[in-house]
Amino acid sequence: MKFTRQANANWQGTGMEGKGTISTQSTTLDKAQLSFKTRFEEGVGTNPEELIAAAHSGCFSMKLSFVLTDMGFVTTSIDTIAKVTFEDGKITLIHLDLKAKIDGISEEQFQEAAINAKENCPISQLLNAEITLNAILL
C-alpha cells in the first residue's frame, strides 16, 4: 500500500510577532491558528509539537491494534497520551502513556505488543528522539 497525504501552512510576519495557519487535506484542521504564543506560551491555536503528539498517539494506538489482532486478541479500548518534550531548539523526548483493555491477554503478551507497536509504528520510525513507554493493562 502506498499513499500520500498533505497539509499546508501559511506564515506572515516575523517569528515572534507573526502569525500563521495550518490546514490538512482532510479539512480536520482548516486554517488552524499558529503563532509564537500557541507554540511557546498558552495561546489559542495549535503548534507543531502538539500535532506530532497527536500523530504519534494515533499512529501508535492503531499499530497496537493491528499487532494485537495479529496475536488473536480483540481490543476493547486503547488510550494513549503522547507527551512531546521540546528542549534547546529540538524535540528530545516523546513519552507514551498507554492504558488498554484487552480480554484474555497476559501482562507479558501485552507488554510485548506495546513495545512492538512503539518500535514499529511509522511515526516512531520517523522521529529522531528518545521514545519511552509506560503501558498499563486495565
Protein backbone atom coordinates (compact mmCIF):
# COMPACT_ATOMS: atom_id res chain seq x y z
CA MET A 1 0.00 0.00 0.00
CA LYS A 2 1.29 3.45 -0.90
CA PHE A 3 -0.39 6.82 -0.47
CA THR A 4 0.43 10.48 0.06
CA ARG A 5 -1.22 12.89 2.46
CA GLN A 6 -0.66 16.61 2.67
CA ALA A 7 -1.03 19.62 4.90
CA ASN A 8 -0.12 23.21 4.33
CA ALA A 9 0.98 26.14 6.42
CA ASN A 10 0.98 29.87 5.80
CA TRP A 11 3.11 32.25 7.88
CA GLN A 12 3.10 36.04 7.77
CA GLY A 13 5.47 38.31 9.64
CA THR A 14 8.40 37.73 11.98
CA GLY A 15 8.91 34.60 14.09
CA MET A 16 7.81 36.24 17.32
CA GLU A 17 5.18 38.73 16.17
CA GLY A 18 3.95 36.92 13.08
CA LYS A 19 1.04 34.58 12.72
CA GLY A 20 0.08 31.67 10.60
CA THR A 21 -2.40 28.93 9.83
CA ILE A 22 -2.22 25.19 9.28
CA SER A 23 -4.69 23.19 7.19
CA THR A 24 -4.94 19.49 6.44
CA GLN A 25 -6.10 17.68 3.33
CA SER A 26 -8.99 16.13 5.28
CA THR A 27 -10.02 19.62 6.46
CA THR A 28 -9.99 18.44 10.08
CA LEU A 29 -7.67 21.39 10.51
CA ASP A 30 -8.82 24.29 8.36
CA LYS A 31 -6.70 27.39 8.86
CA ALA A 32 -5.99 26.49 12.49
CA GLN A 33 -4.13 29.33 14.19
CA LEU A 34 -0.37 29.10 14.66
CA SER A 35 1.72 31.74 16.41
CA PHE A 36 4.60 32.25 18.81
CA LYS A 37 2.06 32.20 21.66
CA THR A 38 0.43 28.95 20.51
CA ARG A 39 3.84 27.30 20.33
CA PHE A 40 5.84 28.70 23.23
CA GLU A 41 3.18 30.12 25.56
CA GLU A 42 -0.54 29.44 26.02
CA GLY A 43 -2.26 30.96 23.01
CA VAL A 44 -5.38 29.70 21.24
CA GLY A 45 -4.43 27.53 18.29
CA THR A 46 -2.07 24.67 17.62
CA ASN A 47 1.66 24.07 17.22
CA PRO A 48 3.99 21.53 15.60
CA GLU A 49 4.74 19.70 18.87
CA GLU A 50 1.05 19.22 19.64
CA LEU A 51 0.46 17.95 16.11
CA ILE A 52 3.35 15.50 16.43
CA ALA A 53 1.90 14.28 19.75
CA ALA A 54 -1.50 13.78 18.10
CA ALA A 55 0.03 11.96 15.14
CA HIS A 56 2.19 9.74 17.35
CA SER A 57 -0.57 8.80 19.80
CA GLY A 58 -2.92 7.96 16.93
CA CYS A 59 -0.34 6.02 14.93
CA PHE A 60 0.86 4.07 17.97
CA SER A 61 -2.69 3.19 19.05
CA MET A 62 -3.63 1.97 15.59
CA LYS A 63 -0.40 -0.03 15.23
CA LEU A 64 -1.02 -1.64 18.63
CA SER A 65 -4.49 -2.64 17.49
CA PHE A 66 -3.01 -4.30 14.38
CA VAL A 67 -0.36 -6.09 16.47
CA LEU A 68 -2.99 -7.36 18.91
CA THR A 69 -5.25 -8.52 16.07
CA ASP A 70 -2.33 -10.46 14.57
CA MET A 71 -1.84 -12.07 18.02
CA GLY A 72 -5.52 -13.13 18.05
CA PHE A 73 -6.83 -10.54 20.53
CA VAL A 74 -9.74 -8.13 20.21
CA THR A 75 -9.16 -4.72 21.71
CA THR A 76 -11.83 -3.21 23.94
CA SER A 77 -10.04 0.10 24.44
CA ILE A 78 -6.64 1.69 23.76
CA ASP A 79 -5.99 5.13 25.23
CA THR A 80 -2.63 6.76 24.53
CA ILE A 81 -1.25 10.12 25.60
CA ALA A 82 1.90 11.28 23.81
CA LYS A 83 3.94 13.93 25.61
CA VAL A 84 6.43 15.75 23.39
CA THR A 85 9.37 17.49 25.07
CA PHE A 86 10.89 20.46 23.22
CA GLU A 87 14.29 21.43 24.61
CA ASP A 88 17.08 23.65 23.33
CA GLY A 89 15.54 24.04 19.89
CA LYS A 90 14.65 20.41 19.20
CA ILE A 91 12.30 17.62 20.21
CA THR A 92 14.31 15.44 22.58
CA LEU A 93 11.74 13.06 24.06
CA ILE A 94 8.33 11.61 23.41
CA HIS A 95 6.72 9.69 26.25
CA LEU A 96 3.76 7.43 25.51
CA ASP A 97 1.31 6.71 28.34
CA LEU A 98 -0.85 3.75 27.36
CA LYS A 99 -3.88 2.31 29.13
CA ALA A 100 -5.65 -0.55 27.40
CA LYS A 101 -8.41 -3.08 27.93
CA ILE A 102 -7.86 -6.36 26.09
CA ASP A 103 -9.72 -9.50 27.09
CA GLY A 104 -7.73 -12.69 27.60
CA ILE A 105 -4.23 -11.25 27.19
CA SER A 106 -1.45 -11.85 29.70
CA GLU A 107 0.66 -8.99 31.06
CA GLU A 108 3.70 -10.39 29.24
CA GLN A 109 1.86 -10.58 25.90
CA PHE A 110 0.52 -7.06 26.40
CA GLN A 111 3.94 -5.58 27.11
CA GLU A 112 5.41 -7.40 24.11
CA ALA A 113 2.67 -6.00 21.86
CA ALA A 114 3.08 -2.47 23.24
CA ILE A 115 6.85 -2.50 22.68
CA ASN A 116 6.34 -3.85 19.16
CA ALA A 117 3.91 -1.01 18.39
CA LYS A 118 6.24 1.61 19.90
CA GLU A 119 9.16 0.44 17.80
CA ASN A 120 7.27 -0.17 14.57
CA CYS A 121 4.58 2.46 14.17
CA PRO A 122 5.54 4.68 11.22
CA ILE A 123 5.68 7.86 13.32
CA SER A 124 8.05 6.23 15.85
CA GLN A 125 10.28 5.16 12.97
CA LEU A 126 10.27 8.68 11.56
CA LEU A 127 11.24 10.55 14.71
CA ASN A 128 14.79 11.23 15.84
CA ALA A 129 14.04 11.48 19.56
CA GLU A 130 14.06 9.17 22.54
CA ILE A 131 10.70 7.40 22.83
CA THR A 132 9.66 5.99 26.20
CA LEU A 133 6.58 3.97 27.08
CA ASN A 134 4.52 3.27 30.19
CA ALA A 135 1.96 0.57 29.36
CA ILE A 136 -0.84 -0.32 31.79
CA LEU A 137 -3.24 -3.19 31.16
CA LEU A 138 -6.62 -2.46 32.74
